[in-house]
Amino acid sequence: MSLNKLLAHAALRWPNALAVKGPDGTVTYRELDAEANRFASRLEELNVQPGDRVGIWLEKSTRTVAAMQGILRNRGVYVPLDPLSPAARVGIIAQDCEMHVIITTQKRAKALSAFLDQSLPITYLCLGEGNSSSDLVTLEGNGQSSSIRSEPKSEDMAYILYTSGSTGTPKGVCISHGNALAFIEWALATFYITAEDRLANHAPFHFDLSVFDLYAAFSSGASVFLLPENIAYLPTRLVEFIAKEQITIWYSVPSVLVLMIEHANLLHLSFPALRCILYAGEPFPFKHVCSLFQWARGTCRLFNLYGPTETNVCTFYEITELPTDEYMSIPIGQASCNNVVWAQKDDGTVVHVGEEGELLVSGPTVMIGYWGKPPLEKPVYATGDIVRLLADGNYLYIGRRDHMVKIRGYRVELGEIEIVLSHHPAISEVAVLAIETGIDAHLVAFTTCAHAPPPSLLDIKRYCAQHLTHYMIIDNFIVLQEIPRTKNGKIDRRALLQQGILAINRRDSIDETKSDFSKA
């Protein structure tokens, strides 16, 4: 079995069942299968060959889902692109993985062409603007595959997810059919997903959480409901969405659940259909986990899923009781998906109970490798996360060993932001830190400036928006006479952290503007 077969099998077994509901309407499994075939036929006309990378730079919709499936049916590799990313960043990704085709809109294609090397022959498959049915471009064909290509192998690449990179450019995580299916098969068995389920898709398609939403539904004949990006962080709208669509399985980052708890009265409402809440992507503040667990007890199962993009989910923990005061945190649990996980200390020895070390993962969900880099040999992936082994065999997340952080569930390499800001003509030196965690996280840039007066926070936000994706735009901008350093000459990030916390507490340098700088 491969990812490209899941939808086709569902269309045979549940042809008239609701497959996807999105901002552009609803489609049954039969209709989605036919639309995927039309995309596949059009891509074949564009000479997409097995292994060719095809980008998708579209808003979330049923046609975007169909485009993904059409690419897989051509044995292509789909590369979902953040619809909120500036054209400059999309251009970097397109050139990095040498895309053959980009499925997008005419407006986006025009913006992107200015950032592409003319030596890279990219074909645009342009659809109509917007998400309404009247904006859809009709693809030629009757919904039947024009040719049959050989079944991809388990180790063949299915999609590439780009994450923040320490070198200043995004890096592509290459996921095989086997990697994704190992996770989906485990999830089906663990969460008892059936054709009666109604899954919410909160995560954008370039975020690995969305893999569960789509393919768990296709594997079981369940329905998936796409949350429009414009309400993704509006807690009242999210709560209304869960109730209206009678969602049975919710999967999101913790910060979204915190928003619903604090600002949408979640814990005082009842959702009879909701039977499972999954969260992943960042630590969940303990006080909110406690209140959510008490609210869900007896009616809804609650799971903490853990894993970087490179492994999708590699450990899990079902919360059946609250932890003791011994560690006051929810463990990330034990291995999932037939993976093997262990933690080792700096000297290479495996940790014992009570000890801390870096978590390593080996097994079927571990990525092929990074695009343009040699594939993993074993494969073993070192997560960079420090964990502690508990007496019951579960692991407890402690923190990062480098400067990578999670901002509202997105993985952000602070070095990438620093490199971009270092090119600003007014900035001499820069260090970026994340202050607080979860929904309270702030990206703070500490800089020295080449001349006076320094740029405003608005100027810096706009500059970030031109070069970085929306969740990497800084929240605060603090100008210093000099960057503090340790005795060995390295940036003293501890001292900067203290300054950042004081600034936030005083509300110094905090922009009160409500503009959407991601569209600047």
Protein backbone atom coordinates (compact mmCIF):
# COMPACT_ATOMS: atom_id res chain seq x y z
CA MET A 1 0.00 0.00 0.00
CA SER A 2 1.16 3.58 -0.70
CA LEU A 3 -0.29 6.99 0.14
CA ASN A 4 -1.64 7.45 -3.37
CA LYS A 5 -3.87 4.36 -2.99
CA LEU A 6 -5.70 5.43 0.17
CA LEU A 7 -8.10 7.84 -1.51
CA ALA A 8 -8.79 5.48 -4.42
CA HIS A 9 -9.67 2.64 -2.05
CA ALA A 10 -11.91 4.94 0.02
CA ALA A 11 -13.71 6.03 -3.16
CA LEU A 12 -14.48 2.40 -3.98
CA ARG A 13 -15.66 1.53 -0.48
CA TRP A 14 -17.42 4.77 0.55
CA PRO A 15 -18.14 6.59 -2.76
CA ASN A 16 -20.98 8.76 -1.48
CA ALA A 17 -19.56 9.50 1.97
CA LEU A 18 -18.38 13.01 2.78
CA ALA A 19 -14.63 13.11 2.29
CA VAL A 20 -13.63 16.75 2.80
CA LYS A 21 -15.43 19.95 3.73
CA GLY A 22 -13.48 23.13 3.15
CA PRO A 23 -13.90 26.85 2.51
CA ASP A 24 -14.74 26.02 -1.13
CA GLY A 25 -17.49 23.49 -0.36
CA THR A 26 -17.79 19.76 0.19
CA VAL A 27 -16.74 16.72 -1.83
CA THR A 28 -17.60 13.05 -1.52
CA TYR A 29 -14.95 10.40 -1.85
CA ARG A 30 -16.07 9.71 -5.44
CA GLU A 31 -15.83 13.42 -6.33
CA LEU A 32 -12.45 13.90 -4.64
CA ASP A 33 -11.08 10.81 -6.39
CA ALA A 34 -12.24 12.14 -9.77
CA GLU A 35 -10.73 15.59 -9.12
CA ALA A 36 -7.43 13.97 -8.09
CA ASN A 37 -7.44 12.06 -11.38
CA ARG A 38 -7.99 15.28 -13.32
CA PHE A 39 -5.00 16.85 -11.60
CA ALA A 40 -2.96 13.72 -12.32
CA SER A 41 -3.87 13.85 -16.02
CA ARG A 42 -2.97 17.53 -16.27
CA LEU A 43 0.36 16.94 -14.54
CA GLU A 44 1.08 14.06 -16.89
CA GLU A 45 0.54 16.44 -19.80
CA LEU A 46 3.11 18.70 -18.16
CA ASN A 47 5.54 15.75 -18.18
CA VAL A 48 5.74 15.27 -14.42
CA GLN A 49 7.83 12.16 -13.90
CA PRO A 50 8.25 9.88 -10.87
CA GLY A 51 10.24 11.74 -8.24
CA ASP A 52 9.64 15.21 -9.71
CA ARG A 53 8.90 17.84 -7.09
CA VAL A 54 5.62 19.70 -7.50
CA GLY A 55 4.93 22.70 -5.29
CA ILE A 56 1.47 23.65 -4.02
CA TRP A 57 1.15 27.33 -3.11
CA LEU A 58 -2.57 27.65 -2.43
CA GLU A 59 -4.95 28.46 0.38
CA LYS A 60 -6.40 25.50 2.23
CA SER A 61 -9.30 24.01 0.24
CA THR A 62 -10.70 20.78 -1.20
CA ARG A 63 -8.91 21.51 -4.48
CA THR A 64 -5.61 21.77 -2.62
CA VAL A 65 -6.24 18.30 -1.18
CA ALA A 66 -7.09 17.01 -4.68
CA ALA A 67 -3.88 18.54 -6.03
CA MET A 68 -1.80 16.67 -3.44
CA GLN A 69 -3.44 13.39 -4.39
CA GLY A 70 -3.02 14.07 -8.10
CA ILE A 71 0.70 14.59 -7.63
CA LEU A 72 1.01 11.30 -5.75
CA ARG A 73 -0.86 9.50 -8.54
CA ASN A 74 1.83 10.64 -10.95
CA ARG A 75 4.41 9.30 -8.50
CA GLY A 76 5.51 12.87 -8.05
CA VAL A 77 6.60 14.42 -4.75
CA TYR A 78 4.39 17.18 -3.42
CA VAL A 79 5.85 20.17 -1.60
CA PRO A 80 3.18 22.11 0.33
CA LEU A 81 4.11 25.78 0.64
CA ASP A 82 2.91 28.16 3.33
CA PRO A 83 0.25 30.36 1.69
CA LEU A 84 1.30 33.18 4.06
CA SER A 85 4.98 33.01 3.11
CA PRO A 86 6.44 35.84 1.03
CA ALA A 87 7.36 35.07 -2.56
CA ALA A 88 11.06 35.45 -1.73
CA ARG A 89 10.98 32.53 0.69
CA VAL A 90 8.88 30.38 -1.64
CA GLY A 91 11.41 31.09 -4.37
CA ILE A 92 14.24 29.82 -2.18
CA ILE A 93 12.35 26.57 -1.56
CA ALA A 94 11.40 26.16 -5.23
CA GLN A 95 14.99 26.50 -6.33
CA ASP A 96 16.37 24.39 -3.52
CA CYS A 97 14.39 21.27 -4.49
CA GLU A 98 14.32 22.11 -8.22
CA MET A 99 10.57 22.07 -8.60
CA HIS A 100 9.21 20.93 -11.94
CA VAL A 101 5.72 22.43 -11.55
CA ILE A 102 4.08 24.81 -9.08
CA ILE A 103 0.31 24.67 -8.63
CA THR A 104 -0.77 28.16 -7.60
CA THR A 105 -2.76 31.20 -8.72
CA GLN A 106 -1.83 33.67 -11.44
CA LYS A 107 -1.26 36.42 -8.90
CA ARG A 108 1.11 34.28 -6.86
CA ALA A 109 2.91 33.01 -9.96
CA LYS A 110 3.57 36.57 -11.09
CA ALA A 111 4.96 37.52 -7.67
CA LEU A 112 7.12 34.40 -7.50
CA SER A 113 8.66 34.73 -10.97
CA ALA A 114 10.65 37.77 -9.81
CA PHE A 115 12.51 35.63 -7.27
CA LEU A 116 13.36 32.62 -9.45
CA ASP A 117 16.55 31.99 -11.36
CA GLN A 118 15.60 31.93 -15.04
CA SER A 119 17.81 28.89 -15.51
CA LEU A 120 15.31 26.84 -13.47
CA PRO A 121 12.53 25.75 -15.85
CA ILE A 122 9.39 25.83 -13.70
CA THR A 123 5.93 25.39 -15.17
CA TYR A 124 2.98 27.04 -13.43
CA LEU A 125 -0.38 25.31 -13.23
CA CYS A 126 -2.51 28.31 -12.32
CA LEU A 127 -5.93 28.05 -10.71
CA GLY A 128 -8.46 30.78 -10.03
CA GLU A 129 -8.06 33.22 -7.16
CA GLY A 130 -9.95 32.64 -3.92
CA ASN A 131 -11.80 29.64 -2.54
CA SER A 132 -15.32 29.93 -3.93
CA SER A 133 -16.51 27.35 -6.40
CA SER A 134 -16.83 30.02 -9.09
CA ASP A 135 -13.09 30.67 -8.85
CA LEU A 136 -12.09 27.11 -9.64
CA VAL A 137 -10.33 26.45 -12.91
CA THR A 138 -11.88 23.48 -14.69
CA LEU A 139 -9.27 20.84 -15.41
CA GLU A 140 -9.71 18.88 -18.59
CA GLY A 141 -10.60 15.22 -18.29
CA ASN A 142 -13.41 12.99 -17.11
CA GLY A 143 -11.88 12.06 -13.80
CA GLN A 144 -10.35 8.84 -15.12
CA SER A 145 -6.60 8.22 -14.98
CA SER A 146 -5.08 8.53 -18.45
CA SER A 147 -2.38 6.00 -17.70
CA ILE A 148 -1.35 3.63 -14.99
CA ARG A 149 2.06 4.04 -13.44
CA SER A 150 3.83 1.44 -11.39
CA GLU A 151 3.16 1.42 -7.66
CA PRO A 152 5.72 3.46 -5.68
CA LYS A 153 7.93 1.56 -3.31
CA SER A 154 7.75 2.06 0.43
CA GLU A 155 11.10 3.90 0.39
CA ASP A 156 10.07 6.26 -2.43
CA MET A 157 9.60 9.89 -1.47
CA ALA A 158 6.01 11.11 -1.10
CA TYR A 159 6.35 14.72 0.10
CA ILE A 160 8.83 17.29 1.39
CA LEU A 161 8.08 19.55 4.35
CA TYR A 162 10.32 22.60 4.69
CA THR A 163 11.34 23.69 8.17
CA SER A 164 13.48 26.48 9.55
CA GLY A 165 17.21 25.95 8.96
CA SER A 166 20.22 27.04 11.02
CA THR A 167 22.12 28.10 7.87
CA GLY A 168 19.63 30.87 7.17
CA THR A 169 17.65 28.99 4.55
CA PRO A 170 14.79 26.50 4.96
CA LYS A 171 15.64 22.81 4.82
CA GLY A 172 13.49 20.12 3.26
CA VAL A 173 12.50 17.06 5.28
CA CYS A 174 11.97 14.18 2.85
CA ILE A 175 9.24 11.74 3.88
CA SER A 176 8.65 8.42 2.15
CA HIS A 177 5.38 6.58 1.59
CA GLY A 178 6.50 4.05 4.19
CA ASN A 179 7.32 6.77 6.74
CA ALA A 180 3.85 8.28 6.52
CA LEU A 181 1.99 4.98 6.41
CA ALA A 182 3.78 3.65 9.50
CA PHE A 183 2.40 6.61 11.44
CA ILE A 184 -1.10 6.43 9.94
CA GLU A 185 -1.48 2.68 10.56
CA TRP A 186 -0.42 3.17 14.18
CA ALA A 187 -2.83 6.08 14.59
CA LEU A 188 -5.79 4.13 13.19
CA ALA A 189 -5.25 1.35 15.72
CA THR A 190 -4.45 3.62 18.66
CA PHE A 191 -7.35 6.06 18.28
CA TYR A 192 -9.88 3.54 16.87
CA ILE A 193 -10.67 5.71 13.85
CA THR A 194 -13.67 4.58 11.78
CA ALA A 195 -15.85 5.86 8.94
CA GLU A 196 -18.10 7.47 11.55
CA ASP A 197 -15.41 9.89 12.69
CA ARG A 198 -15.24 13.57 11.81
CA LEU A 199 -11.68 14.91 11.98
CA ALA A 200 -10.78 18.58 12.21
CA ASN A 201 -7.83 19.79 10.16
CA HIS A 202 -6.45 22.76 12.08
CA ALA A 203 -2.83 22.58 10.93
CA PRO A 204 -1.78 24.08 7.58
CA PHE A 205 -0.73 21.54 4.96
CA HIS A 206 2.97 22.44 5.21
CA PHE A 207 2.87 21.41 8.91
CA ASP A 208 3.26 17.70 9.70
CA LEU A 209 0.18 17.57 11.97
CA SER A 210 -1.98 17.75 8.83
CA VAL A 211 -0.68 14.35 7.65
CA PHE A 212 -2.77 12.69 10.36
CA ASP A 213 -5.91 14.66 9.54
CA LEU A 214 -5.93 13.79 5.83
CA TYR A 215 -4.58 10.28 5.63
CA ALA A 216 -6.20 8.90 8.77
CA ALA A 217 -9.50 10.02 7.23
CA PHE A 218 -8.73 8.50 3.83
CA SER A 219 -7.65 5.22 5.43
CA SER A 220 -10.89 4.82 7.36
CA GLY A 221 -13.53 6.56 5.27
CA ALA A 222 -13.88 9.30 7.88
CA SER A 223 -14.65 12.93 7.02
CA VAL A 224 -12.12 15.73 7.44
CA PHE A 225 -13.15 19.34 8.01
CA LEU A 226 -10.65 21.98 6.91
CA LEU A 227 -10.37 24.97 9.22
CA PRO A 228 -9.88 28.15 7.18
CA GLU A 229 -6.54 29.80 7.94
CA ASN A 230 -8.25 33.07 8.84
CA ILE A 231 -9.91 31.56 11.93
CA ALA A 232 -7.04 29.32 13.03
CA TYR A 233 -6.32 31.50 16.09
CA LEU A 234 -9.78 32.91 16.77
CA PRO A 235 -10.84 30.88 19.82
CA THR A 236 -14.57 31.62 19.71
CA ARG A 237 -14.76 30.62 16.05
CA LEU A 238 -12.83 27.42 16.79
CA VAL A 239 -15.21 26.40 19.55
CA GLU A 240 -18.17 27.13 17.26
CA PHE A 241 -16.51 25.03 14.54
CA ILE A 242 -16.14 21.99 16.82
CA ALA A 243 -19.80 22.20 17.83
CA LYS A 244 -21.23 22.94 14.38
CA GLU A 245 -19.30 20.20 12.56
CA GLN A 246 -19.71 17.69 15.40
CA ILE A 247 -15.98 17.01 15.42
CA THR A 248 -15.04 13.68 17.03
CA ILE A 249 -11.21 14.00 16.89
CA TRP A 250 -9.37 17.29 17.42
CA TYR A 251 -5.62 17.63 16.76
CA SER A 252 -3.72 20.88 17.24
CA VAL A 253 -0.85 22.56 19.02
CA PRO A 254 -1.38 23.28 22.75
CA SER A 255 -1.40 27.06 22.31
CA VAL A 256 -4.63 26.78 20.32
CA LEU A 257 -6.27 24.79 23.09
CA VAL A 258 -5.05 27.38 25.61
CA LEU A 259 -6.74 30.13 23.57
CA MET A 260 -10.02 28.22 23.61
CA ILE A 261 -9.73 27.58 27.35
CA GLU A 262 -8.89 31.18 28.28
CA HIS A 263 -10.92 33.16 25.75
CA ALA A 264 -13.76 30.96 24.48
CA ASN A 265 -15.11 29.32 27.64
CA LEU A 266 -14.18 25.84 26.34
CA LEU A 267 -14.27 24.17 29.74
CA HIS A 268 -17.82 25.35 30.42
CA LEU A 269 -19.20 23.89 27.19
CA SER A 270 -20.22 20.40 26.16
CA PHE A 271 -19.37 18.64 22.90
CA PRO A 272 -21.15 15.27 22.90
CA ALA A 273 -19.49 14.10 19.68
CA LEU A 274 -15.91 14.89 20.74
CA ARG A 275 -14.18 11.69 21.85
CA CYS A 276 -10.48 12.35 21.38
CA ILE A 277 -8.17 15.37 21.77
CA LEU A 278 -4.61 15.10 20.49
CA TYR A 279 -1.96 17.76 20.95
CA ALA A 280 1.62 18.07 19.75
CA GLY A 281 4.23 20.56 18.66
CA GLU A 282 5.12 22.35 21.90
CA PRO A 283 4.91 22.01 25.70
CA PHE A 284 1.42 22.37 27.18
CA PRO A 285 1.32 24.60 30.31
CA PHE A 286 0.64 22.27 33.20
CA LYS A 287 -2.23 24.24 34.74
CA HIS A 288 -4.14 24.09 31.46
CA VAL A 289 -3.48 20.37 31.01
CA CYS A 290 -4.93 19.79 34.46
CA SER A 291 -8.09 21.75 33.74
CA LEU A 292 -8.52 20.16 30.30
CA PHE A 293 -8.09 16.68 31.76
CA GLN A 294 -10.64 17.29 34.49
CA TRP A 295 -13.10 18.57 31.88
CA ALA A 296 -12.51 15.67 29.46
CA ARG A 297 -12.38 12.85 32.03
CA GLY A 298 -14.81 10.06 31.28
CA THR A 299 -15.98 11.46 27.94
CA CYS A 300 -12.92 12.28 25.85
CA ARG A 301 -9.47 10.67 25.61
CA LEU A 302 -6.51 13.04 25.85
CA PHE A 303 -3.11 12.35 24.24
CA ASN A 304 0.26 14.11 24.20
CA LEU A 305 2.01 13.27 20.90
CA TYR A 306 5.67 14.06 20.43
CA GLY A 307 8.00 14.11 17.46
CA PRO A 308 9.90 16.54 15.25
CA THR A 309 9.00 16.84 11.57
CA GLU A 310 11.84 14.41 10.81
CA THR A 311 10.01 11.59 12.62
CA ASN A 312 6.39 12.76 12.58
CA VAL A 313 5.16 11.18 15.84
CA CYS A 314 7.69 8.96 17.59
CA THR A 315 6.38 8.87 21.19
CA PHE A 316 2.96 9.28 22.77
CA TYR A 317 1.36 9.46 26.18
CA GLU A 318 -2.32 9.03 27.02
CA ILE A 319 -3.27 11.12 30.03
CA THR A 320 -5.31 8.83 32.25
CA GLU A 321 -4.28 10.52 35.48
CA LEU A 322 -2.41 13.68 36.37
CA PRO A 323 1.29 13.43 37.29
CA THR A 324 2.46 13.92 40.85
CA ASP A 325 4.23 17.03 42.04
CA GLU A 326 7.52 15.18 41.41
CA TYR A 327 7.86 16.66 37.93
CA MET A 328 4.71 18.75 37.36
CA SER A 329 4.64 18.10 33.65
CA ILE A 330 3.05 15.67 31.22
CA PRO A 331 5.51 13.08 29.87
CA ILE A 332 6.00 12.68 26.13
CA GLY A 333 5.64 8.97 26.84
CA GLN A 334 7.13 5.94 25.13
CA ALA A 335 7.82 4.87 21.56
CA SER A 336 5.04 4.73 18.98
CA CYS A 337 4.72 3.46 15.39
CA ASN A 338 7.17 0.57 15.98
CA ASN A 339 9.95 3.08 16.54
CA VAL A 340 12.76 2.64 19.05
CA VAL A 341 13.64 5.64 21.20
CA TRP A 342 16.39 6.12 23.73
CA ALA A 343 18.27 8.95 25.39
CA GLN A 344 22.03 9.21 25.63
CA LYS A 345 24.38 11.46 27.52
CA ASP A 346 27.16 13.56 26.00
CA ASP A 347 29.61 10.71 26.47
CA GLY A 348 27.43 8.43 24.33
CA THR A 349 26.15 6.23 27.15
CA VAL A 350 22.45 5.49 27.48
CA VAL A 351 20.68 7.25 30.35
CA HIS A 352 19.31 5.37 33.34
CA VAL A 353 16.20 6.23 35.34
CA GLY A 354 16.35 9.81 36.60
CA GLU A 355 19.10 10.83 34.18
CA GLU A 356 18.88 13.28 31.30
CA GLY A 357 20.15 13.05 27.75
CA GLU A 358 19.36 13.74 24.11
CA LEU A 359 16.48 11.73 22.65
CA LEU A 360 17.32 9.57 19.62
CA VAL A 361 14.84 7.83 17.34
CA SER A 362 15.16 4.88 15.01
CA GLY A 363 12.38 3.19 13.12
CA PRO A 364 9.87 3.32 10.27
CA THR A 365 8.71 6.94 10.68
CA VAL A 366 12.23 8.42 10.57
CA MET A 367 12.66 10.53 7.43
CA ILE A 368 14.71 9.56 4.38
CA GLY A 369 16.90 12.59 4.99
CA TYR A 370 17.13 16.28 4.10
CA TRP A 371 16.76 17.33 0.50
CA GLY A 372 20.15 17.76 -1.14
CA LYS A 373 21.93 15.90 1.67
CA PRO A 374 22.96 12.23 1.87
CA PRO A 375 20.17 9.98 3.19
CA LEU A 376 20.32 8.78 6.77
CA GLU A 377 22.33 5.57 6.95
CA LYS A 378 20.60 3.58 9.72
CA PRO A 379 18.27 5.59 9.98
CA VAL A 380 18.74 7.21 13.38
CA TYR A 381 17.67 10.75 14.09
CA ALA A 382 19.06 12.82 16.97
CA THR A 383 16.23 15.16 17.96
CA GLY A 384 18.25 17.80 19.82
CA ASP A 385 15.68 17.53 22.63
CA ILE A 386 16.80 16.81 26.18
CA VAL A 387 14.61 14.34 28.06
CA ARG A 388 14.64 12.57 31.43
CA LEU A 389 13.88 8.86 31.80
CA LEU A 390 11.20 8.28 34.43
CA ALA A 391 10.83 5.18 36.60
CA ASP A 392 7.76 3.99 34.67
CA GLY A 393 9.67 3.99 31.36
CA ASN A 394 8.18 7.23 30.07
CA TYR A 395 10.28 10.17 28.94
CA LEU A 396 9.84 13.72 30.20
CA TYR A 397 10.71 16.61 27.90
CA ILE A 398 13.20 19.04 29.47
CA GLY A 399 14.15 21.43 26.66
CA ARG A 400 16.28 22.08 23.58
CA ARG A 401 20.04 21.70 23.45
CA ASP A 402 20.43 24.36 20.76
CA HIS A 403 18.69 27.53 19.69
CA MET A 404 15.71 25.96 17.97
CA VAL A 405 12.37 26.83 19.55
CA LYS A 406 8.68 26.21 19.03
CA ILE A 407 6.43 29.19 18.33
CA ARG A 408 2.74 28.25 18.42
CA GLY A 409 3.68 24.78 17.31
CA TYR A 410 6.00 25.82 14.48
CA ARG A 411 9.64 24.92 14.69
CA VAL A 412 11.77 28.04 14.38
CA GLU A 413 15.56 28.15 14.06
CA LEU A 414 16.52 31.44 15.66
CA GLY A 415 19.67 31.51 13.54
CA GLU A 416 17.60 31.84 10.38
CA ILE A 417 15.91 34.99 11.70
CA GLU A 418 19.27 36.37 12.84
CA ILE A 419 20.80 35.88 9.40
CA VAL A 420 17.89 37.61 7.69
CA LEU A 421 17.96 40.57 10.09
CA SER A 422 21.73 40.87 9.78
CA HIS A 423 21.21 41.92 6.14
CA HIS A 424 19.07 44.91 7.16
CA PRO A 425 21.13 48.01 6.28
CA ALA A 426 20.57 49.63 9.69
CA ILE A 427 21.51 46.62 11.82
CA SER A 428 25.09 45.93 12.82
CA GLU A 429 24.65 42.93 15.10
CA VAL A 430 21.63 40.89 16.11
CA ALA A 431 20.60 38.10 18.45
CA VAL A 432 17.08 36.66 18.54
CA LEU A 433 15.52 34.93 21.55
CA ALA A 434 12.17 33.37 22.32
CA ILE A 435 10.70 34.73 25.55
CA GLU A 436 8.08 32.56 27.29
CA THR A 437 6.48 29.52 25.63
CA GLY A 438 3.26 28.44 23.96
CA ILE A 439 0.70 31.13 23.23
CA ASP A 440 2.72 33.61 25.34
CA ALA A 441 5.88 33.15 23.27
CA HIS A 442 7.55 36.33 21.97
CA LEU A 443 10.33 36.50 19.40
CA VAL A 444 12.59 39.31 20.53
CA ALA A 445 15.41 40.74 18.39
CA PHE A 446 18.27 42.41 20.27
CA THR A 447 20.33 44.60 17.95
CA THR A 448 23.01 47.20 17.69
CA CYS A 449 22.43 49.72 14.91
CA ALA A 450 24.76 51.19 12.32
CA HIS A 451 23.28 54.67 12.48
CA ALA A 452 20.71 56.80 14.29
CA PRO A 453 17.82 56.89 14.52
CA PRO A 454 17.29 53.13 14.57
CA PRO A 455 14.50 51.57 12.48
CA SER A 456 11.09 51.27 14.08
CA LEU A 457 9.51 48.00 15.10
CA LEU A 458 7.07 48.43 12.22
CA ASP A 459 9.99 48.72 9.77
CA ILE A 460 11.60 45.57 11.15
CA LYS A 461 8.33 43.62 11.03
CA ARG A 462 7.85 44.61 7.41
CA TYR A 463 11.40 43.58 6.61
CA CYS A 464 10.81 40.19 8.23
CA ALA A 465 7.56 39.76 6.32
CA GLN A 466 9.44 40.20 3.03
CA HIS A 467 11.90 37.41 3.80
CA LEU A 468 10.41 35.08 6.43
CA THR A 469 7.21 33.16 6.90
CA HIS A 470 4.56 34.70 9.15
CA TYR A 471 5.30 32.80 12.36
CA MET A 472 8.97 33.94 12.24
CA ILE A 473 8.18 37.67 12.29
CA ILE A 474 9.59 39.17 15.48
CA ASP A 475 7.28 40.52 18.17
CA ASN A 476 9.72 42.88 19.87
CA PHE A 477 12.76 44.87 18.82
CA ILE A 478 15.24 46.11 21.42
CA VAL A 479 18.20 48.31 20.47
CA LEU A 480 21.31 48.01 22.63
CA GLN A 481 24.60 49.90 22.66
CA GLU A 482 26.34 46.53 22.57
CA ILE A 483 25.39 42.85 22.67
CA PRO A 484 26.45 41.31 26.02
CA ARG A 485 28.99 38.51 25.76
CA THR A 486 30.33 35.76 28.01
CA LYS A 487 33.98 35.49 29.02
CA ASN A 488 34.73 33.29 26.01
CA GLY A 489 33.29 35.87 23.61
CA LYS A 490 29.97 34.17 22.85
CA ILE A 491 26.71 36.07 22.99
CA ASP A 492 25.41 36.00 26.57
CA ARG A 493 21.91 34.77 25.84
CA ARG A 494 21.10 34.43 29.53
CA ALA A 495 21.68 38.15 30.04
CA LEU A 496 19.62 38.94 26.95
CA LEU A 497 16.82 36.71 28.20
CA GLN A 498 16.64 38.69 31.44
CA GLN A 499 16.49 41.96 29.51
CA GLY A 500 13.78 40.58 27.26
CA ILE A 501 11.62 39.46 30.17
CA LEU A 502 11.96 42.87 31.82
CA ALA A 503 11.06 44.62 28.58
CA ILE A 504 7.95 42.50 28.10
CA ASN A 505 6.89 43.00 31.70
CA ARG A 506 7.23 46.77 31.26
CA ARG A 507 5.61 46.44 27.82
CA ASP A 508 8.62 48.28 26.39
CA SER A 509 9.09 47.93 22.65
CA ILE A 510 5.85 45.97 22.25
CA ASP A 511 3.92 46.85 19.13
CA GLU A 512 0.23 47.37 19.86
CA THR A 513 -0.68 47.48 16.15
CA LYS A 514 -3.13 44.81 15.08
CA SER A 515 -2.08 44.82 11.41
CA ASP A 516 -1.42 41.50 9.67
CA PHE A 517 2.27 41.91 8.92
CA SER A 518 2.42 38.50 7.28
CA LYS A 519 0.75 40.17 4.28
CA ALA A 520 2.93 43.26 4.28
